[in-house]
């Protein structure tokens, strides 16, 4: 994993541990939005970030991701669990010609970060 991905996972972990914040969805959404905006502005190779809940509903998205993307990403993750023989949540990495995608699940949320591939 790389920096932007780890920061988003940290926010999820903090909020799921703090019961007061967990019960206040507006506070949580505000913090997600701040960290996603920060990630998109500070990481030049990040092209998109998506956070969805365990039902595939979009919590926050930046870049080319939409609410439709969240269902597809969640479905991809749900199917990948079948390949995990040790019971741990897998981290998925997908690479296309122009982008790399990393998908991970933590504390009931699935996170996908896309970044531009470096030119060869």
PDB file of N, CA and C in Angstrom:
ATOM      1  N   UNK A   1       0.837  -1.189   0.000  1.00  0.00           N
ATOM      2  CA  UNK A   1       0.000   0.000   0.000  1.00  0.00           C
ATOM      3  C   UNK A   1       0.875   1.244   0.000  1.00  0.00           C
ATOM      4  N   UNK A   2       0.320   2.361  -0.407  1.00  0.00           N
ATOM      5  CA  UNK A   2       1.083   3.594  -0.408  1.00  0.00           C
ATOM      6  C   UNK A   2       0.346   4.657   0.383  1.00  0.00           C
ATOM      7  N   UNK A   3       0.995   5.785   0.622  1.00  0.00           N
ATOM      8  CA  UNK A   3       0.549   6.836   1.526  1.00  0.00           C
ATOM      9  C   UNK A   3      -0.921   7.217   1.498  1.00  0.00           C
ATOM     10  N   UNK A   4      -1.486   7.607   0.341  1.00  0.00           N
ATOM     11  CA  UNK A   4      -2.878   8.044   0.330  1.00  0.00           C
ATOM     12  C   UNK A   4      -3.829   6.958   0.836  1.00  0.00           C
ATOM     13  N   UNK A   5      -3.540   5.751   0.445  1.00  0.00           N
ATOM     14  CA  UNK A   5      -4.381   4.618   0.835  1.00  0.00           C
ATOM     15  C   UNK A   5      -4.342   4.444   2.348  1.00  0.00           C
ATOM     16  N   UNK A   6      -3.145   4.509   2.912  1.00  0.00           N
ATOM     17  CA  UNK A   6      -2.993   4.344   4.363  1.00  0.00           C
ATOM     18  C   UNK A   6      -3.702   5.439   5.139  1.00  0.00           C
ATOM     19  N   UNK A   7      -3.664   6.688   4.669  1.00  0.00           N
ATOM     20  CA  UNK A   7      -4.334   7.789   5.372  1.00  0.00           C
ATOM     21  C   UNK A   7      -5.847   7.585   5.415  1.00  0.00           C
ATOM     22  N   UNK A   8      -6.420   7.113   4.330  1.00  0.00           N
ATOM     23  CA  UNK A   8      -7.861   6.882   4.295  1.00  0.00           C
ATOM     24  C   UNK A   8      -8.241   5.754   5.245  1.00  0.00           C
ATOM     25  N   UNK A   9      -7.453   4.694   5.265  1.00  0.00           N
ATOM     26  CA  UNK A   9      -7.702   3.576   6.180  1.00  0.00           C
ATOM     27  C   UNK A   9      -7.604   4.053   7.626  1.00  0.00           C
ATOM     28  N   UNK A  10      -6.656   4.931   7.929  1.00  0.00           N
ATOM     29  CA  UNK A  10      -6.519   5.464   9.283  1.00  0.00           C
ATOM     30  C   UNK A  10      -7.775   6.230   9.698  1.00  0.00           C
ATOM     31  N   UNK A  11      -8.345   7.027   8.783  1.00  0.00           N
ATOM     32  CA  UNK A  11      -9.561   7.777   9.102  1.00  0.00           C
ATOM     33  C   UNK A  11     -10.705   6.814   9.397  1.00  0.00           C
ATOM     34  N   UNK A  12     -10.838   5.774   8.590  1.00  0.00           N
ATOM     35  CA  UNK A  12     -11.891   4.785   8.822  1.00  0.00           C
ATOM     36  C   UNK A  12     -11.719   4.146  10.190  1.00  0.00           C
ATOM     37  N   UNK A  13     -10.503   3.739  10.514  1.00  0.00           N
ATOM     38  CA  UNK A  13     -10.238   3.081  11.793  1.00  0.00           C
ATOM     39  C   UNK A  13     -10.551   4.008  12.957  1.00  0.00           C
ATOM     40  N   UNK A  14     -10.134   5.257  12.874  1.00  0.00           N
ATOM     41  CA  UNK A  14     -10.403   6.205  13.952  1.00  0.00           C
ATOM     42  C   UNK A  14     -11.898   6.399  14.172  1.00  0.00           C
ATOM     43  N   UNK A  15     -12.643   6.527  13.099  1.00  0.00           N
ATOM     44  CA  UNK A  15     -14.072   6.788  13.250  1.00  0.00           C
ATOM     45  C   UNK A  15     -14.847   5.571  13.715  1.00  0.00           C
ATOM     46  N   UNK A  16     -14.434   4.394  13.333  1.00  0.00           N
ATOM     47  CA  UNK A  16     -15.157   3.215  13.790  1.00  0.00           C
ATOM     48  C   UNK A  16     -14.842   2.912  15.242  1.00  0.00           C
ATOM     49  N   UNK A  17     -13.721   3.413  15.755  1.00  0.00           N
ATOM     50  CA  UNK A  17     -13.379   3.219  17.151  1.00  0.00           C
ATOM     51  C   UNK A  17     -14.059   4.254  18.044  1.00  0.00           C
ATOM     52  N   UNK A  18     -14.383   5.413  17.495  1.00  0.00           N
ATOM     53  CA  UNK A  18     -14.994   6.498  18.258  1.00  0.00           C
ATOM     54  C   UNK A  18     -16.507   6.407  18.107  1.00  0.00           C
ATOM     55  N   UNK A  19     -17.190   5.867  19.126  1.00  0.00           N
ATOM     56  CA  UNK A  19     -18.628   5.622  19.012  1.00  0.00           C
ATOM     57  C   UNK A  19     -19.420   6.896  18.810  1.00  0.00           C
ATOM     58  N   UNK A  20     -18.973   8.014  19.356  1.00  0.00           N
ATOM     59  CA  UNK A  20     -19.688   9.268  19.176  1.00  0.00           C
ATOM     60  C   UNK A  20     -19.667   9.691  17.713  1.00  0.00           C
ATOM     61  N   UNK A  21     -18.512   9.591  17.072  1.00  0.00           N
ATOM     62  CA  UNK A  21     -18.394   9.939  15.657  1.00  0.00           C
ATOM     63  C   UNK A  21     -19.115   8.931  14.782  1.00  0.00           C
ATOM     64  N   UNK A  22     -19.045   7.651  15.186  1.00  0.00           N
ATOM     65  CA  UNK A  22     -19.678   6.610  14.396  1.00  0.00           C
ATOM     66  C   UNK A  22     -21.178   6.843  14.298  1.00  0.00           C
ATOM     67  N   UNK A  23     -21.765   7.379  15.355  1.00  0.00           N
ATOM     68  CA  UNK A  23     -23.196   7.635  15.364  1.00  0.00           C
ATOM     69  C   UNK A  23     -23.564   8.930  14.656  1.00  0.00           C
ATOM     70  N   UNK A  24     -22.587   9.742  14.328  1.00  0.00           N
ATOM     71  CA  UNK A  24     -22.847  10.999  13.642  1.00  0.00           C
ATOM     72  C   UNK A  24     -22.302  10.903  12.220  1.00  0.00           C
ATOM     73  N   UNK A  25     -23.151  10.461  11.302  1.00  0.00           N
ATOM     74  CA  UNK A  25     -22.718  10.226   9.925  1.00  0.00           C
ATOM     75  C   UNK A  25     -22.245  11.500   9.236  1.00  0.00           C
ATOM     76  N   UNK A  26     -22.826  12.652   9.593  1.00  0.00           N
ATOM     77  CA  UNK A  26     -22.414  13.912   8.972  1.00  0.00           C
ATOM     78  C   UNK A  26     -20.971  14.251   9.333  1.00  0.00           C
ATOM     79  N   UNK A  27     -20.583  14.008  10.583  1.00  0.00           N
ATOM     80  CA  UNK A  27     -19.202  14.263  11.003  1.00  0.00           C
ATOM     81  C   UNK A  27     -18.261  13.342  10.246  1.00  0.00           C
ATOM     82  N   UNK A  28     -18.630  12.068  10.163  1.00  0.00           N
ATOM     83  CA  UNK A  28     -17.788  11.099   9.472  1.00  0.00           C
ATOM     84  C   UNK A  28     -17.654  11.467   7.991  1.00  0.00           C
ATOM     85  N   UNK A  29     -18.764  11.816   7.360  1.00  0.00           N
ATOM     86  CA  UNK A  29     -18.731  12.190   5.948  1.00  0.00           C
ATOM     87  C   UNK A  29     -17.867  13.426   5.732  1.00  0.00           C
ATOM     88  N   UNK A  30     -17.949  14.384   6.636  1.00  0.00           N
ATOM     89  CA  UNK A  30     -17.136  15.586   6.541  1.00  0.00           C
ATOM     90  C   UNK A  30     -15.649  15.253   6.599  1.00  0.00           C
ATOM     91  N   UNK A  31     -15.283  14.364   7.504  1.00  0.00           N
ATOM     92  CA  UNK A  31     -13.879  13.972   7.606  1.00  0.00           C
ATOM     93  C   UNK A  31     -13.421  13.180   6.385  1.00  0.00           C
ATOM     94  N   UNK A  32     -14.279  12.301   5.868  1.00  0.00           N
ATOM     95  CA  UNK A  32     -13.945  11.587   4.635  1.00  0.00           C
ATOM     96  C   UNK A  32     -13.693  12.585   3.514  1.00  0.00           C
ATOM     97  N   UNK A  33     -14.589  13.556   3.387  1.00  0.00           N
ATOM     98  CA  UNK A  33     -14.438  14.540   2.320  1.00  0.00           C
ATOM     99  C   UNK A  33     -13.134  15.320   2.451  1.00  0.00           C
ATOM    100  N   UNK A  34     -12.772  15.707   3.671  1.00  0.00           N
ATOM    101  CA  UNK A  34     -11.517  16.438   3.876  1.00  0.00           C
ATOM    102  C   UNK A  34     -10.309  15.590   3.494  1.00  0.00           C
ATOM    103  N   UNK A  35     -10.295  14.327   3.921  1.00  0.00           N
ATOM    104  CA  UNK A  35      -9.125  13.483   3.626  1.00  0.00           C
ATOM    105  C   UNK A  35      -9.069  13.149   2.129  1.00  0.00           C
ATOM    106  N   UNK A  36     -10.216  12.974   1.490  1.00  0.00           N
ATOM    107  CA  UNK A  36     -10.215  12.705   0.054  1.00  0.00           C
ATOM    108  C   UNK A  36      -9.759  13.929  -0.724  1.00  0.00           C
ATOM    109  N   UNK A  37     -10.232  15.109  -0.335  1.00  0.00           N
ATOM    110  CA  UNK A  37      -9.775  16.336  -0.992  1.00  0.00           C
ATOM    111  C   UNK A  37      -8.277  16.530  -0.807  1.00  0.00           C
ATOM    112  N   UNK A  38      -7.810  16.295   0.407  1.00  0.00           N
ATOM    113  CA  UNK A  38      -6.381  16.415   0.693  1.00  0.00           C
ATOM    114  C   UNK A  38      -5.568  15.437  -0.148  1.00  0.00           C
ATOM    115  N   UNK A  39      -6.052  14.220  -0.244  1.00  0.00           N
ATOM    116  CA  UNK A  39      -5.351  13.192  -1.033  1.00  0.00           C
ATOM    117  C   UNK A  39      -5.296  13.592  -2.499  1.00  0.00           C
ATOM    118  N   UNK A  40      -6.413  14.038  -3.034  1.00  0.00           N
ATOM    119  CA  UNK A  40      -6.455  14.413  -4.446  1.00  0.00           C
ATOM    120  C   UNK A  40      -5.564  15.633  -4.725  1.00  0.00           C
ATOM    121  N   UNK A  41      -5.441  16.550  -3.770  1.00  0.00           N
ATOM    122  CA  UNK A  41      -4.653  17.763  -3.980  1.00  0.00           C
ATOM    123  C   UNK A  41      -3.170  17.588  -3.707  1.00  0.00           C
ATOM    124  N   UNK A  42      -2.810  16.643  -2.839  1.00  0.00           N
ATOM    125  CA  UNK A  42      -1.408  16.539  -2.445  1.00  0.00           C
ATOM    126  C   UNK A  42      -0.649  15.416  -3.145  1.00  0.00           C
ATOM    127  N   UNK A  43      -1.354  14.501  -3.757  1.00  0.00           N
ATOM    128  CA  UNK A  43      -0.700  13.378  -4.425  1.00  0.00           C
ATOM    129  C   UNK A  43      -0.895  13.525  -5.930  1.00  0.00           C
ATOM    130  N   UNK A  44       0.170  13.867  -6.645  1.00  0.00           N
ATOM    131  CA  UNK A  44       0.037  14.171  -8.068  1.00  0.00           C
ATOM    132  C   UNK A  44      -0.359  12.963  -8.914  1.00  0.00           C
ATOM    133  N   UNK A  45      -0.037  11.752  -8.458  1.00  0.00           N
ATOM    134  CA  UNK A  45      -0.368  10.583  -9.274  1.00  0.00           C
ATOM    135  C   UNK A  45      -1.729   9.976  -8.942  1.00  0.00           C
ATOM    136  N   UNK A  46      -2.397  10.448  -7.897  1.00  0.00           N
ATOM    137  CA  UNK A  46      -3.716   9.919  -7.545  1.00  0.00           C
ATOM    138  C   UNK A  46      -4.751  10.531  -8.478  1.00  0.00           C
ATOM    139  N   UNK A  47      -5.508   9.660  -9.165  1.00  0.00           N
ATOM    140  CA  UNK A  47      -6.515  10.153 -10.103  1.00  0.00           C
ATOM    141  C   UNK A  47      -7.935   9.993  -9.573  1.00  0.00           C
ATOM    142  N   UNK A  48      -8.115   9.183  -8.528  1.00  0.00           N
ATOM    143  CA  UNK A  48      -9.448   9.008  -7.977  1.00  0.00           C
ATOM    144  C   UNK A  48      -9.435   8.243  -6.672  1.00  0.00           C
ATOM    145  N   UNK A  49     -10.441   8.499  -5.849  1.00  0.00           N
ATOM    146  CA  UNK A  49     -10.586   7.817  -4.567  1.00  0.00           C
ATOM    147  C   UNK A  49     -12.069   7.540  -4.366  1.00  0.00           C
ATOM    148  N   UNK A  50     -12.372   6.334  -3.885  1.00  0.00           N
ATOM    149  CA  UNK A  50     -13.749   5.952  -3.627  1.00  0.00           C
ATOM    150  C   UNK A  50     -13.829   5.238  -2.287  1.00  0.00           C
ATOM    151  N   UNK A  51     -14.819   5.576  -1.487  1.00  0.00           N
ATOM    152  CA  UNK A  51     -15.094   4.877  -0.237  1.00  0.00           C
ATOM    153  C   UNK A  51     -16.550   4.446  -0.293  1.00  0.00           C
ATOM    154  N   UNK A  52     -16.790   3.143  -0.068  1.00  0.00           N
ATOM    155  CA  UNK A  52     -18.162   2.644  -0.033  1.00  0.00           C
ATOM    156  C   UNK A  52     -18.375   1.840   1.235  1.00  0.00           C
ATOM    157  N   UNK A  53     -19.634   1.727   1.646  1.00  0.00           N
ATOM    158  CA  UNK A  53     -19.914   0.907   2.817  1.00  0.00           C
ATOM    159  C   UNK A  53     -20.037  -0.557   2.388  1.00  0.00           C
ATOM    160  N   UNK A  54     -20.287  -1.437   3.337  1.00  0.00           N
ATOM    161  CA  UNK A  54     -20.295  -2.867   3.029  1.00  0.00           C
ATOM    162  C   UNK A  54     -21.456  -3.281   2.123  1.00  0.00           C
ATOM    163  N   UNK A  55     -22.427  -2.387   1.916  1.00  0.00           N
ATOM    164  CA  UNK A  55     -23.528  -2.658   0.988  1.00  0.00           C
ATOM    165  C   UNK A  55     -23.239  -2.123  -0.414  1.00  0.00           C
ATOM    166  N   UNK A  56     -22.089  -1.499  -0.587  1.00  0.00           N
ATOM    167  CA  UNK A  56     -21.732  -0.937  -1.881  1.00  0.00           C
ATOM    168  C   UNK A  56     -22.265   0.460  -2.104  1.00  0.00           C
ATOM    169  N   UNK A  57     -22.796   1.086  -1.046  1.00  0.00           N
ATOM    170  CA  UNK A  57     -23.292   2.454  -1.180  1.00  0.00           C
ATOM    171  C   UNK A  57     -22.135   3.440  -1.060  1.00  0.00           C
ATOM    172  N   UNK A  58     -22.105   4.386  -1.945  1.00  0.00           N
ATOM    173  CA  UNK A  58     -21.012   5.351  -1.993  1.00  0.00           C
ATOM    174  C   UNK A  58     -21.059   6.271  -0.776  1.00  0.00           C
ATOM    175  N   UNK A  59     -19.952   6.311  -0.044  1.00  0.00           N
ATOM    176  CA  UNK A  59     -19.806   7.224   1.088  1.00  0.00           C
ATOM    177  C   UNK A  59     -19.155   8.514   0.603  1.00  0.00           C
ATOM    178  N   UNK A  60     -18.136   8.389  -0.230  1.00  0.00           N
ATOM    179  CA  UNK A  60     -17.443   9.549  -0.785  1.00  0.00           C
ATOM    180  C   UNK A  60     -16.685   9.116  -2.031  1.00  0.00           C
ATOM    181  N   UNK A  61     -16.568  10.019  -2.983  1.00  0.00           N
ATOM    182  CA  UNK A  61     -15.851   9.696  -4.226  1.00  0.00           C
ATOM    183  C   UNK A  61     -15.215  10.956  -4.790  1.00  0.00           C
ATOM    184  N   UNK A  62     -14.065  10.777  -5.399  1.00  0.00           N
ATOM    185  CA  UNK A  62     -13.354  11.856  -6.077  1.00  0.00           C
ATOM    186  C   UNK A  62     -12.814  11.308  -7.394  1.00  0.00           C
ATOM    187  N   UNK A  63     -12.566  12.222  -8.318  1.00  0.00           N
ATOM    188  CA  UNK A  63     -12.031  11.820  -9.610  1.00  0.00           C
ATOM    189  C   UNK A  63     -13.122  11.205 -10.468  1.00  0.00           C
ATOM    190  N   UNK A  64     -12.792  10.229 -11.298  1.00  0.00           N
ATOM    191  CA  UNK A  64     -13.779   9.657 -12.217  1.00  0.00           C
ATOM    192  C   UNK A  64     -14.776   8.709 -11.557  1.00  0.00           C
ATOM    193  N   UNK A  65     -14.592   8.382 -10.293  1.00  0.00           N
ATOM    194  CA  UNK A  65     -15.505   7.467  -9.616  1.00  0.00           C
ATOM    195  C   UNK A  65     -16.873   8.108  -9.400  1.00  0.00           C
ATOM    196  N   UNK A  66     -17.918   7.301  -9.496  1.00  0.00           N
ATOM    197  CA  UNK A  66     -19.287   7.744  -9.251  1.00  0.00           C
ATOM    198  C   UNK A  66     -19.953   6.764  -8.295  1.00  0.00           C
ATOM    199  N   UNK A  67     -21.194   7.037  -7.940  1.00  0.00           N
ATOM    200  CA  UNK A  67     -21.924   6.112  -7.072  1.00  0.00           C
ATOM    201  C   UNK A  67     -22.095   4.749  -7.752  1.00  0.00           C
ATOM    202  N   UNK A  68     -22.161   4.722  -9.077  1.00  0.00           N
ATOM    203  CA  UNK A  68     -22.240   3.454  -9.809  1.00  0.00           C
ATOM    204  C   UNK A  68     -20.950   2.663  -9.620  1.00  0.00           C
ATOM    205  N   UNK A  69     -19.827   3.365  -9.586  1.00  0.00           N
ATOM    206  CA  UNK A  69     -18.531   2.707  -9.380  1.00  0.00           C
ATOM    207  C   UNK A  69     -18.486   1.982  -8.045  1.00  0.00           C
ATOM    208  N   UNK A  70     -19.113   2.543  -7.021  1.00  0.00           N
ATOM    209  CA  UNK A  70     -19.013   1.948  -5.689  1.00  0.00           C
ATOM    210  C   UNK A  70     -19.627   0.555  -5.656  1.00  0.00           C
ATOM    211  N   UNK A  71     -20.746   0.353  -6.331  1.00  0.00           N
ATOM    212  CA  UNK A  71     -21.353  -0.976  -6.387  1.00  0.00           C
ATOM    213  C   UNK A  71     -20.457  -1.972  -7.097  1.00  0.00           C
ATOM    214  N   UNK A  72     -19.835  -1.547  -8.190  1.00  0.00           N
ATOM    215  CA  UNK A  72     -18.944  -2.426  -8.941  1.00  0.00           C
ATOM    216  C   UNK A  72     -17.702  -2.785  -8.129  1.00  0.00           C
ATOM    217  N   UNK A  73     -17.130  -1.799  -7.454  1.00  0.00           N
ATOM    218  CA  UNK A  73     -15.944  -2.039  -6.628  1.00  0.00           C
ATOM    219  C   UNK A  73     -16.294  -2.971  -5.466  1.00  0.00           C
ATOM    220  N   UNK A  74     -17.439  -2.748  -4.820  1.00  0.00           N
ATOM    221  CA  UNK A  74     -17.841  -3.611  -3.706  1.00  0.00           C
ATOM    222  C   UNK A  74     -18.077  -5.033  -4.175  1.00  0.00           C
ATOM    223  N   UNK A  75     -18.687  -5.199  -5.337  1.00  0.00           N
ATOM    224  CA  UNK A  75     -18.916  -6.528  -5.896  1.00  0.00           C
ATOM    225  C   UNK A  75     -17.590  -7.237  -6.178  1.00  0.00           C
ATOM    226  N   UNK A  76     -16.643  -6.509  -6.738  1.00  0.00           N
ATOM    227  CA  UNK A  76     -15.310  -7.049  -6.995  1.00  0.00           C
ATOM    228  C   UNK A  76     -14.680  -7.523  -5.692  1.00  0.00           C
ATOM    229  N   UNK A  77     -14.765  -6.690  -4.664  1.00  0.00           N
ATOM    230  CA  UNK A  77     -14.190  -7.056  -3.381  1.00  0.00           C
ATOM    231  C   UNK A  77     -14.902  -8.265  -2.779  1.00  0.00           C
ATOM    232  N   UNK A  78     -16.234  -8.254  -2.797  1.00  0.00           N
ATOM    233  CA  UNK A  78     -16.999  -9.370  -2.229  1.00  0.00           C
ATOM    234  C   UNK A  78     -16.623 -10.692  -2.889  1.00  0.00           C
ATOM    235  N   UNK A  79     -16.444 -10.667  -4.200  1.00  0.00           N
ATOM    236  CA  UNK A  79     -16.058 -11.891  -4.906  1.00  0.00           C
ATOM    237  C   UNK A  79     -14.624 -12.308  -4.609  1.00  0.00           C
ATOM    238  N   UNK A  80     -13.763 -11.346  -4.350  1.00  0.00           N
ATOM    239  CA  UNK A  80     -12.362 -11.684  -4.063  1.00  0.00           C
ATOM    240  C   UNK A  80     -12.207 -12.374  -2.713  1.00  0.00           C
ATOM    241  N   UNK A  81     -13.149 -12.143  -1.800  1.00  0.00           N
ATOM    242  CA  UNK A  81     -13.084 -12.793  -0.489  1.00  0.00           C
ATOM    243  C   UNK A  81     -13.096 -14.310  -0.650  1.00  0.00           C
ATOM    244  N   UNK A  82     -13.763 -14.796  -1.659  1.00  0.00           N
ATOM    245  CA  UNK A  82     -13.832 -16.245  -1.919  1.00  0.00           C
ATOM    246  C   UNK A  82     -12.470 -16.846  -2.216  1.00  0.00           C
ATOM    247  N   UNK A  83     -11.516 -16.003  -2.622  1.00  0.00           N
ATOM    248  CA  UNK A  83     -10.169 -16.475  -2.926  1.00  0.00           C
ATOM    249  C   UNK A  83      -9.243 -16.410  -1.723  1.00  0.00           C
ATOM    250  N   UNK A  84      -9.707 -15.842  -0.653  1.00  0.00           N
ATOM    251  CA  UNK A  84      -8.890 -15.705   0.549  1.00  0.00           C
ATOM    252  C   UNK A  84      -9.056 -16.960   1.396  1.00  0.00           C
ATOM    253  N   UNK A  85      -8.031 -17.776   1.415  1.00  0.00           N
ATOM    254  CA  UNK A  85      -8.110 -19.063   2.096  1.00  0.00           C
ATOM    255  C   UNK A  85      -7.851 -18.959   3.588  1.00  0.00           C
ATOM    256  N   UNK A  86      -7.281 -17.852   4.033  1.00  0.00           N
ATOM    257  CA  UNK A  86      -6.940 -17.731   5.452  1.00  0.00           C
ATOM    258  C   UNK A  86      -7.938 -16.877   6.234  1.00  0.00           C
ATOM    259  N   UNK A  87      -9.020 -16.451   5.594  1.00  0.00           N
ATOM    260  CA  UNK A  87     -10.040 -15.677   6.284  1.00  0.00           C
ATOM    261  C   UNK A  87      -9.747 -14.190   6.387  1.00  0.00           C
ATOM    262  N   UNK A  88      -8.594 -13.751   5.906  1.00  0.00           N
ATOM    263  CA  UNK A  88      -8.263 -12.330   5.942  1.00  0.00           C
ATOM    264  C   UNK A  88      -8.857 -11.626   4.721  1.00  0.00           C
ATOM    265  N   UNK A  89      -9.145 -10.329   4.909  1.00  0.00           N
ATOM    266  CA  UNK A  89      -9.615  -9.552   3.771  1.00  0.00           C
ATOM    267  C   UNK A  89      -8.463  -9.340   2.807  1.00  0.00           C
ATOM    268  N   UNK A  90      -8.683  -9.603   1.523  1.00  0.00           N
ATOM    269  CA  UNK A  90      -7.606  -9.398   0.546  1.00  0.00           C
ATOM    270  C   UNK A  90      -7.452  -7.928   0.179  1.00  0.00           C
ATOM    271  N   UNK A  91      -6.291  -7.583  -0.302  1.00  0.00           N
ATOM    272  CA  UNK A  91      -6.063  -6.299  -0.953  1.00  0.00           C
ATOM    273  C   UNK A  91      -5.961  -6.600  -2.433  1.00  0.00           C
ATOM    274  N   UNK A  92      -6.734  -5.904  -3.216  1.00  0.00           N
ATOM    275  CA  UNK A  92      -6.798  -6.162  -4.655  1.00  0.00           C
ATOM    276  C   UNK A  92      -6.009  -5.082  -5.383  1.00  0.00           C
ATOM    277  N   UNK A  93      -5.194  -5.509  -6.331  1.00  0.00           N
ATOM    278  CA  UNK A  93      -4.476  -4.559  -7.171  1.00  0.00           C
ATOM    279  C   UNK A  93      -4.788  -4.883  -8.626  1.00  0.00           C
ATOM    280  N   UNK A  94      -5.251  -3.873  -9.332  1.00  0.00           N
ATOM    281  CA  UNK A  94      -5.584  -4.014 -10.747  1.00  0.00           C
ATOM    282  C   UNK A  94      -4.779  -2.980 -11.505  1.00  0.00           C
ATOM    283  N   UNK A  95      -4.229  -3.399 -12.622  1.00  0.00           N
ATOM    284  CA  UNK A  95      -3.449  -2.467 -13.431  1.00  0.00           C
ATOM    285  C   UNK A  95      -3.943  -2.490 -14.863  1.00  0.00           C
ATOM    286  N   UNK A  96      -4.216  -1.304 -15.389  1.00  0.00           N
ATOM    287  CA  UNK A  96      -4.542  -1.156 -16.797  1.00  0.00           C
ATOM    288  C   UNK A  96      -3.359  -0.452 -17.453  1.00  0.00           C
ATOM    289  N   UNK A  97      -3.497  -0.140 -18.696  1.00  0.00           N
ATOM    290  CA  UNK A  97      -2.395   0.536 -19.393  1.00  0.00           C
ATOM    291  C   UNK A  97      -2.108   1.911 -18.782  1.00  0.00           C
ATOM    292  N   UNK A  98      -3.155   2.594 -18.315  1.00  0.00           N
ATOM    293  CA  UNK A  98      -2.996   3.961 -17.839  1.00  0.00           C
ATOM    294  C   UNK A  98      -3.148   4.152 -16.332  1.00  0.00           C
ATOM    295  N   UNK A  99      -3.748   3.172 -15.630  1.00  0.00           N
ATOM    296  CA  UNK A  99      -4.031   3.355 -14.209  1.00  0.00           C
ATOM    297  C   UNK A  99      -3.744   2.096 -13.396  1.00  0.00           C
ATOM    298  N   UNK A 100      -3.485   2.320 -12.118  1.00  0.00           N
ATOM    299  CA  UNK A 100      -3.380   1.244 -11.143  1.00  0.00           C
ATOM    300  C   UNK A 100      -4.463   1.486 -10.109  1.00  0.00           C
ATOM    301  N   UNK A 101      -5.135   0.423  -9.707  1.00  0.00           N
ATOM    302  CA  UNK A 101      -6.190   0.510  -8.706  1.00  0.00           C
ATOM    303  C   UNK A 101      -5.820  -0.380  -7.533  1.00  0.00           C
ATOM    304  N   UNK A 102      -6.037   0.105  -6.342  1.00  0.00           N
ATOM    305  CA  UNK A 102      -5.819  -0.689  -5.148  1.00  0.00           C
ATOM    306  C   UNK A 102      -7.108  -0.627  -4.334  1.00  0.00           C
ATOM    307  N   UNK A 103      -7.611  -1.816  -3.972  1.00  0.00           N
ATOM    308  CA  UNK A 103      -8.869  -1.921  -3.247  1.00  0.00           C
ATOM    309  C   UNK A 103      -8.612  -2.681  -1.952  1.00  0.00           C
ATOM    310  N   UNK A 104      -9.119  -2.128  -0.865  1.00  0.00           N
ATOM    311  CA  UNK A 104      -8.942  -2.756   0.439  1.00  0.00           C
ATOM    312  C   UNK A 104     -10.210  -2.528   1.258  1.00  0.00           C
ATOM    313  N   UNK A 105     -10.429  -3.399   2.216  1.00  0.00           N
ATOM    314  CA  UNK A 105     -11.604  -3.305   3.081  1.00  0.00           C
ATOM    315  C   UNK A 105     -11.131  -3.183   4.523  1.00  0.00           C
ATOM    316  N   UNK A 106     -11.767  -2.269   5.258  1.00  0.00           N
ATOM    317  CA  UNK A 106     -11.396  -2.085   6.659  1.00  0.00           C
ATOM    318  C   UNK A 106     -12.602  -1.561   7.426  1.00  0.00           C
ATOM    319  N   UNK A 107     -12.900  -2.190   8.545  1.00  0.00           N
ATOM    320  CA  UNK A 107     -13.945  -1.714   9.462  1.00  0.00           C
ATOM    321  C   UNK A 107     -15.277  -1.446   8.773  1.00  0.00           C
ATOM    322  N   UNK A 108     -15.655  -2.300   7.819  1.00  0.00           N
ATOM    323  CA  UNK A 108     -16.952  -2.150   7.163  1.00  0.00           C
ATOM    324  C   UNK A 108     -16.963  -1.237   5.952  1.00  0.00           C
ATOM    325  N   UNK A 109     -15.828  -0.710   5.564  1.00  0.00           N
ATOM    326  CA  UNK A 109     -15.743   0.170   4.402  1.00  0.00           C
ATOM    327  C   UNK A 109     -14.749  -0.378   3.395  1.00  0.00           C
ATOM    328  N   UNK A 110     -15.068  -0.206   2.124  1.00  0.00           N
ATOM    329  CA  UNK A 110     -14.162  -0.591   1.054  1.00  0.00           C
ATOM    330  C   UNK A 110     -13.607   0.682   0.430  1.00  0.00           C
ATOM    331  N   UNK A 111     -12.306   0.715   0.258  1.00  0.00           N
ATOM    332  CA  UNK A 111     -11.615   1.889  -0.279  1.00  0.00           C
ATOM    333  C   UNK A 111     -10.934   1.487  -1.586  1.00  0.00           C
ATOM    334  N   UNK A 112     -11.097   2.321  -2.600  1.00  0.00           N
ATOM    335  CA  UNK A 112     -10.386   2.126  -3.863  1.00  0.00           C
ATOM    336  C   UNK A 112      -9.653   3.419  -4.193  1.00  0.00           C
ATOM    337  N   UNK A 113      -8.369   3.308  -4.441  1.00  0.00           N
ATOM    338  CA  UNK A 113      -7.556   4.456  -4.840  1.00  0.00           C
ATOM    339  C   UNK A 113      -6.993   4.133  -6.217  1.00  0.00           C
ATOM    340  N   UNK A 114      -7.174   5.057  -7.148  1.00  0.00           N
ATOM    341  CA  UNK A 114      -6.578   4.871  -8.476  1.00  0.00           C
ATOM    342  C   UNK A 114      -5.473   5.897  -8.653  1.00  0.00           C
ATOM    343  N   UNK A 115      -4.449   5.468  -9.350  1.00  0.00           N
ATOM    344  CA  UNK A 115      -3.373   6.411  -9.653  1.00  0.00           C
ATOM    345  C   UNK A 115      -2.913   6.177 -11.087  1.00  0.00           C
ATOM    346  N   UNK A 116      -2.397   7.234 -11.651  1.00  0.00           N
ATOM    347  CA  UNK A 116      -1.918   7.179 -13.028  1.00  0.00           C
ATOM    348  C   UNK A 116      -0.628   6.381 -13.067  1.00  0.00           C
ATOM    349  N   UNK A 117      -0.501   5.547 -14.079  1.00  0.00           N
ATOM    350  CA  UNK A 117       0.756   4.817 -14.278  1.00  0.00           C
ATOM    351  C   UNK A 117       1.789   5.790 -14.805  1.00  0.00           C
ATOM    352  N   UNK A 118       3.015   5.602 -14.362  1.00  0.00           N
ATOM    353  CA  UNK A 118       4.086   6.468 -14.867  1.00  0.00           C
ATOM    354  C   UNK A 118       4.401   6.100 -16.306  1.00  0.00           C
ATOM    355  N   UNK A 119       4.734   7.102 -17.091  1.00  0.00           N
ATOM    356  CA  UNK A 119       5.062   6.870 -18.490  1.00  0.00           C
ATOM    357  C   UNK A 119       6.375   6.153 -18.612  1.00  0.00           C
ATOM    358  N   UNK A 120       6.440   5.212 -19.535  1.00  0.00           N
ATOM    359  CA  UNK A 120       7.687   4.462 -19.743  1.00  0.00           C
ATOM    360  C   UNK A 120       8.451   5.040 -20.883  1.00  0.00           C
TER     361      UNK A 120
END
